[in-house]
C-alpha atoms as a PDB file:
ATOM      1  CA  MET A   1     108.673  56.535 133.346  1.00  0.00           C
ATOM      2  CA  ALA A   2     111.976  57.294 135.022  1.00  0.00           C
ATOM      3  CA  VAL A   3     113.102  60.868 135.557  1.00  0.00           C
ATOM      4  CA  ALA A   4     115.986  61.709 133.224  1.00  0.00           C
ATOM      5  CA  PRO A   5     117.977  64.852 132.487  1.00  0.00           C
ATOM      6  CA  LEU A   6     117.221  66.523 129.164  1.00  0.00           C
ATOM      7  CA  GLY A   7     120.845  66.940 128.225  1.00  0.00           C
ATOM      8  CA  LEU A   8     121.976  69.777 126.030  1.00  0.00           C
ATOM      9  CA  VAL A   9     118.731  71.010 124.550  1.00  0.00           C
ATOM     10  CA  GLN A  10     119.055  73.150 121.424  1.00  0.00           C
ATOM     11  CA  ARG A  11     116.689  75.962 120.463  1.00  0.00           C
ATOM     12  CA  TRP A  12     116.112  76.757 116.802  1.00  0.00           C
ATOM     13  CA  THR A  13     114.143  79.437 114.968  1.00  0.00           C
ATOM     14  CA  GLY A  14     113.068  79.619 111.360  1.00  0.00           C
ATOM     15  CA  LEU A  15     110.061  79.848 109.098  1.00  0.00           C
ATOM     16  CA  SER A  16     107.295  77.306 108.613  1.00  0.00           C
ATOM     17  CA  THR A  17     108.674  76.701 105.106  1.00  0.00           C
ATOM     18  CA  ASP A  18     112.174  75.846 106.402  1.00  0.00           C
ATOM     19  CA  THR A  19     113.323  72.239 106.774  1.00  0.00           C
ATOM     20  CA  LYS A  20     113.830  71.493 110.443  1.00  0.00           C
ATOM     21  CA  PRO A  21     117.191  69.934 111.332  1.00  0.00           C
ATOM     22  CA  THR A  22     117.296  66.288 112.423  1.00  0.00           C
ATOM     23  CA  THR A  23     120.997  65.367 112.373  1.00  0.00           C
ATOM     24  CA  GLY A  24     122.718  65.733 115.734  1.00  0.00           C
ATOM     25  CA  VAL A  25     119.667  67.283 117.359  1.00  0.00           C
ATOM     26  CA  PRO A  26     119.182  66.128 120.971  1.00  0.00           C
ATOM     27  CA  ALA A  27     115.728  64.971 122.106  1.00  0.00           C
ATOM     28  CA  SER A  28     113.579  67.731 123.662  1.00  0.00           C
ATOM     29  CA  SER A  29     115.196  70.423 121.494  1.00  0.00           C
ATOM     30  CA  LEU A  30     112.817  73.181 120.356  1.00  0.00           C
ATOM     31  CA  PHE A  31     112.088  74.796 116.994  1.00  0.00           C
ATOM     32  CA  TYR A  32     110.034  78.010 116.839  1.00  0.00           C
ATOM     33  CA  GLU A  33     108.414  79.032 113.526  1.00  0.00           C
ATOM     34  CA  MET A  34     108.580  82.824 113.497  1.00  0.00           C
ATOM     35  CA  ASP A  35     105.859  83.254 110.853  1.00  0.00           C
ATOM     36  CA  SER A  36     103.259  80.868 112.314  1.00  0.00           C
ATOM     37  CA  GLY A  37     104.036  81.026 116.033  1.00  0.00           C
ATOM     38  CA  VAL A  38     104.122  77.208 116.288  1.00  0.00           C
ATOM     39  CA  THR A  39     106.693  75.615 118.614  1.00  0.00           C
ATOM     40  CA  TYR A  40     107.954  72.061 117.957  1.00  0.00           C
ATOM     41  CA  SER A  41     109.763  69.649 120.251  1.00  0.00           C
ATOM     42  CA  TYR A  42     112.154  67.027 118.854  1.00  0.00           C
ATOM     43  CA  SER A  43     111.439  63.484 120.096  1.00  0.00           C
ATOM     44  CA  GLY A  44     114.789  62.140 118.971  1.00  0.00           C
ATOM     45  CA  THR A  45     113.289  60.897 115.699  1.00  0.00           C
ATOM     46  CA  ALA A  46     110.706  63.523 114.632  1.00  0.00           C
ATOM     47  CA  TRP A  47     109.525  67.079 115.304  1.00  0.00           C
ATOM     48  CA  GLN A  48     106.144  67.237 117.070  1.00  0.00           C
ATOM     49  CA  ILE A  49     103.958  70.262 117.740  1.00  0.00           C
ATOM     50  CA  LEU A  50     104.454  71.376 121.316  1.00  0.00           C
ATOM     51  CA  SER A  51     102.254  74.469 121.194  1.00  0.00           C
ATOM     52  CA  ALA A  52     100.396  76.492 118.601  1.00  0.00           C
ATOM     53  CA  PRO A  53      98.818  79.904 119.093  1.00  0.00           C
ATOM     54  CA  ALA A  54      95.107  80.487 118.880  1.00  0.00           C
ATOM     55  CA  TYR A  55      93.940  81.754 115.481  1.00  0.00           C
ATOM     56  CA  TYR A  56      94.160  85.382 116.539  1.00  0.00           C
ATOM     57  CA  ASP A  57      97.814  85.074 117.597  1.00  0.00           C
ATOM     58  CA  ARG A  58      99.074  83.870 114.220  1.00  0.00           C
ATOM     59  CA  VAL A  59     100.613  87.019 112.756  1.00  0.00           C
ATOM     60  CA  ALA A  60      97.289  88.808 113.064  1.00  0.00           C
ATOM     61  CA  VAL A  61      96.534  91.977 111.115  1.00  0.00           C
ATOM     62  CA  THR A  62      93.347  93.951 111.728  1.00  0.00           C
ATOM     63  CA  GLN A  63      91.544  95.209 108.630  1.00  0.00           C
ATOM     64  CA  TYR A  64      88.934  97.969 108.762  1.00  0.00           C
ATOM     65  CA  LEU A  65      86.517  98.545 105.895  1.00  0.00           C
ATOM     66  CA  ARG A  66      84.800 101.839 106.570  1.00  0.00           C
ATOM     67  CA  ARG A  67      82.865 104.299 104.491  1.00  0.00           C
ATOM     68  CA  ASP A  68      80.806 107.331 105.534  1.00  0.00           C
ATOM     69  CA  ILE A  69      78.852 108.798 102.617  1.00  0.00           C
ATOM     70  CA  ASP A  70      76.402 111.680 102.796  1.00  0.00           C
ATOM     71  CA  GLY A  71      73.778 112.858 100.327  1.00  0.00           C
ATOM     72  CA  VAL A  72      73.620 109.660  98.253  1.00  0.00           C
ATOM     73  CA  ALA A  73      70.822 109.642  95.684  1.00  0.00           C
ATOM     74  CA  PRO A  74      68.912 106.443  94.847  1.00  0.00           C
ATOM     75  CA  HIS A  75      71.209 103.872  93.237  1.00  0.00           C
ATOM     76  CA  VAL A  76      71.602 100.253  92.244  1.00  0.00           C
ATOM     77  CA  LEU A  77      73.650  97.899  94.403  1.00  0.00           C
ATOM     78  CA  THR A  78      76.985  99.679  94.939  1.00  0.00           C
ATOM     79  CA  VAL A  79      80.087  98.271  96.620  1.00  0.00           C
ATOM     80  CA  TRP A  80      81.852 101.113  98.445  1.00  0.00           C
ATOM     81  CA  VAL A  81      84.777  99.267 100.006  1.00  0.00           C
ATOM     82  CA  SER A  82      86.027  95.702  99.507  1.00  0.00           C
ATOM     83  CA  ARG A  83      88.975  93.533 100.445  1.00  0.00           C
ATOM     84  CA  THR A  84      89.948  90.075  99.232  1.00  0.00           C
ATOM     85  CA  VAL A  85      91.350  87.744 101.907  1.00  0.00           C
ATOM     86  CA  PRO A  86      94.922  87.026 100.712  1.00  0.00           C
ATOM     87  CA  SER A  87      96.286  83.584  99.894  1.00  0.00           C
ATOM     88  CA  GLY A  88      97.468  81.645 102.940  1.00  0.00           C
ATOM     89  CA  ARG A  89      95.311  83.707 105.320  1.00  0.00           C
ATOM     90  CA  LEU A  90      91.943  83.485 107.020  1.00  0.00           C
ATOM     91  CA  ALA A  91      89.902  86.384 108.379  1.00  0.00           C
ATOM     92  CA  MET A  92      87.719  86.374 111.472  1.00  0.00           C
ATOM     93  CA  VAL A  93      84.908  88.856 110.936  1.00  0.00           C
ATOM     94  CA  ASP A  94      84.875  90.581 114.318  1.00  0.00           C
ATOM     95  CA  GLY A  95      81.943  92.886 113.691  1.00  0.00           C
ATOM     96  CA  ALA A  96      79.934  95.011 111.292  1.00  0.00           C
ATOM     97  CA  TYR A  97      77.924  98.217 111.710  1.00  0.00           C
ATOM     98  CA  THR A  98      75.489  99.943 109.366  1.00  0.00           C
ATOM     99  CA  ARG A  99      73.587 103.219 109.831  1.00  0.00           C
ATOM    100  CA  ILE A 100      71.237 104.905 107.362  1.00  0.00           C
ATOM    101  CA  ILE A 101      69.689 108.352 107.795  1.00  0.00           C
ATOM    102  CA  ARG A 102      67.055 109.798 105.437  1.00  0.00           C
ATOM    103  CA  ALA A 103      68.673 113.143 104.473  1.00  0.00           C
ATOM    104  CA  THR A 104      66.049 114.446 102.018  1.00  0.00           C
ATOM    105  CA  ALA A 105      62.595 113.065 101.304  1.00  0.00           C
ATOM    106  CA  ALA A 106      62.130 110.687  98.391  1.00  0.00           C
ATOM    107  CA  ASP A 107      59.736 111.614  95.570  1.00  0.00           C
ATOM    108  CA  SER A 108      58.211 108.153  95.734  1.00  0.00           C
ATOM    109  CA  ILE A 109      59.074 105.288  98.024  1.00  0.00           C
ATOM    110  CA  GLY A 110      60.508 102.167  96.450  1.00  0.00           C
ATOM    111  CA  THR A 111      61.389  98.955  98.236  1.00  0.00           C
ATOM    112  CA  SER A 112      63.860 100.503 100.677  1.00  0.00           C
ATOM    113  CA  ALA A 113      67.270 101.985 101.238  1.00  0.00           C
ATOM    114  CA  ARG A 114      69.703  99.356 102.489  1.00  0.00           C
ATOM    115  CA  GLY A 115      73.289  99.188 103.679  1.00  0.00           C
ATOM    116  CA  PHE A 116      75.001  95.929 104.525  1.00  0.00           C
ATOM    117  CA  SER A 117      78.210  93.944 104.795  1.00  0.00           C
ATOM    118  CA  VAL A 118      78.708  90.676 102.962  1.00  0.00           C
ATOM    119  CA  ILE A 119      81.192  87.931 102.264  1.00  0.00           C
ATOM    120  CA  THR A 120      81.312  86.829  98.640  1.00  0.00           C
ATOM    121  CA  ARG A 121      82.585  83.304  98.014  1.00  0.00           C
ATOM    122  CA  SER A 122      82.596  81.686  94.568  1.00  0.00           C
ATOM    123  CA  GLY A 123      80.094  84.218  93.255  1.00  0.00           C
ATOM    124  CA  ALA A 124      77.558  83.746  96.091  1.00  0.00           C
ATOM    125  CA  SER A 125      76.973  86.481  98.682  1.00  0.00           C
ATOM    126  CA  TYR A 126      76.491  85.770 102.372  1.00  0.00           C
ATOM    127  CA  PRO A 127      75.148  88.706 104.412  1.00  0.00           C
ATOM    128  CA  ILE A 128      76.924  89.511 107.656  1.00  0.00           C
ATOM    129  CA  GLY A 129      74.494  92.177 108.765  1.00  0.00           C
ATOM    130  CA  GLY A 130      72.897  95.377 107.662  1.00  0.00           C
ATOM    131  CA  ALA A 131      70.221  97.987 108.125  1.00  0.00           C
ATOM    132  CA  ASP A 132      67.073  98.588 106.101  1.00  0.00           C
ATOM    133  CA  LEU A 133      65.344 101.980 106.156  1.00  0.00           C
ATOM    134  CA  GLY A 134      62.103 100.290 105.090  1.00  0.00           C
ATOM    135  CA  SER A 135      59.655 100.889 102.312  1.00  0.00           C
ATOM    136  CA  ASN A 136      57.376 103.188 104.293  1.00  0.00           C
ATOM    137  CA  VAL A 137      59.972 105.535 105.803  1.00  0.00           C
ATOM    138  CA  ASN A 138      60.298 108.963 104.155  1.00  0.00           C
ATOM    139  CA  ALA A 139      60.667 111.340 107.100  1.00  0.00           C
ATOM    140  CA  ILE A 140      63.851 113.415 107.036  1.00  0.00           C
ATOM    141  CA  GLY A 141      66.220 112.576 109.879  1.00  0.00           C
ATOM    142  CA  VAL A 142      64.857 109.085 110.511  1.00  0.00           C
ATOM    143  CA  ALA A 143      67.761 106.753 111.212  1.00  0.00           C
ATOM    144  CA  VAL A 144      68.143 103.004 111.361  1.00  0.00           C
ATOM    145  CA  ALA A 145      71.251 101.229 112.610  1.00  0.00           C
ATOM    146  CA  GLN A 146      72.373  97.680 113.214  1.00  0.00           C
ATOM    147  CA  SER A 147      75.553  96.157 114.565  1.00  0.00           C
ATOM    148  CA  VAL A 148      76.625  92.543 114.409  1.00  0.00           C
ATOM    149  CA  GLY A 149      79.232  90.913 116.635  1.00  0.00           C
ATOM    150  CA  CYS A 150      81.592  88.090 115.752  1.00  0.00           C
ATOM    151  CA  TRP A 151      80.218  86.516 112.573  1.00  0.00           C
ATOM    152  CA  GLY A 152      82.594  83.818 111.361  1.00  0.00           C
ATOM    153  CA  VAL A 153      85.684  83.057 109.322  1.00  0.00           C
ATOM    154  CA  ALA A 154      86.330  84.084 105.728  1.00  0.00           C
ATOM    155  CA  ILE A 155      88.820  82.007 103.732  1.00  0.00           C
ATOM    156  CA  ALA A 156      91.500  83.019 101.215  1.00  0.00           C
ATOM    157  CA  GLY A 157      89.837  84.389  98.099  1.00  0.00           C
ATOM    158  CA  ASP A 158      86.665  85.503  99.896  1.00  0.00           C
ATOM    159  CA  ILE A 159      85.732  89.129  99.346  1.00  0.00           C
ATOM    160  CA  LEU A 160      84.674  91.223 102.335  1.00  0.00           C
ATOM    161  CA  GLN A 161      82.642  94.243 101.278  1.00  0.00           C
ATOM    162  CA  VAL A 162      80.288  96.979 102.444  1.00  0.00           C
ATOM    163  CA  GLU A 163      77.564  97.969 100.011  1.00  0.00           C
ATOM    164  CA  THR A 164      74.331  99.932  99.671  1.00  0.00           C
ATOM    165  CA  ARG A 165      71.216 100.014  97.504  1.00  0.00           C
ATOM    166  CA  ASP A 166      68.341 102.488  97.344  1.00  0.00           C
ATOM    167  CA  ASP A 167      65.266 101.633  95.272  1.00  0.00           C
ATOM    168  CA  ASN A 168      63.475 104.905  95.961  1.00  0.00           C
ATOM    169  CA  THR A 169      62.932 107.718  93.462  1.00  0.00           C
ATOM    170  CA  GLY A 170      64.493 111.040  94.445  1.00  0.00           C
ATOM    171  CA  GLY A 171      65.675 111.993  97.901  1.00  0.00           C
ATOM    172  CA  THR A 172      69.002 111.155  99.501  1.00  0.00           C
ATOM    173  CA  CYS A 173      70.393 109.088 102.377  1.00  0.00           C
ATOM    174  CA  ASN A 174      73.506 109.282 104.525  1.00  0.00           C
ATOM    175  CA  TYR A 175      75.316 106.007 105.183  1.00  0.00           C
ATOM    176  CA  ALA A 176      77.863 104.875 107.768  1.00  0.00           C
ATOM    177  CA  LEU A 177      79.278 101.440 106.906  1.00  0.00           C
ATOM    178  CA  PHE A 178      81.910  99.572 108.883  1.00  0.00           C
ATOM    179  CA  LEU A 179      83.343  96.057 108.912  1.00  0.00           C
ATOM    180  CA  LYS A 180      86.243  94.840 111.067  1.00  0.00           C
ATOM    181  CA  ALA A 181      88.122  91.623 110.357  1.00  0.00           C
ATOM    182  CA  THR A 182      91.275  90.106 111.832  1.00  0.00           C
ATOM    183  CA  GLU A 183      93.398  88.337 109.218  1.00  0.00           C
ATOM    184  CA  PHE A 184      95.781  85.599 110.339  1.00  0.00           C
ATOM    185  CA  VAL A 185      97.938  82.818 108.904  1.00  0.00           C
ATOM    186  CA  GLY A 186      95.888  79.732 108.104  1.00  0.00           C
ATOM    187  CA  SER A 187      94.031  77.742 105.479  1.00  0.00           C
ATOM    188  CA  ALA A 188      90.572  76.245 105.148  1.00  0.00           C
ATOM    189  CA  THR A 189      91.895  72.686 105.198  1.00  0.00           C
END
């Protein structure tokens, strides 16, 4: 290929939904999509992707689902905090943390006291991580904790949630529940 000057290159900005110009646009001109972070180069006949940001650079927004609850009596499965991944976005689950402390002794021990984070997709739940106080633990002050690092990607419509359940009779537990996700522009296709 011979070395050639680029001529009068034009630089354009717009949104990913905008129609990119093609009439009178010199080859090697650039178009930057402000909402997606993608840069295109014009070949003289078509716009081609020159560079695209990594998933976490695409208009990223960090979401924190956190709940600290003390003195919780035995209860059925309870969702304390939830967030639905919005349309046109994906969410990288960066981490989850669960801690349970037996605050007062149970009258009788059931299955266990549990706290966990999940992704719900199409009615099915997928656990991200959690802590289980265990069916034989009744000593006041006993704590169990678990943290999970990068888990995976949730798609638009998925529900991120932190929840607890305690099958014991009597007694109370203190819970610390946390889930961090980074939402960004994208789709599952």
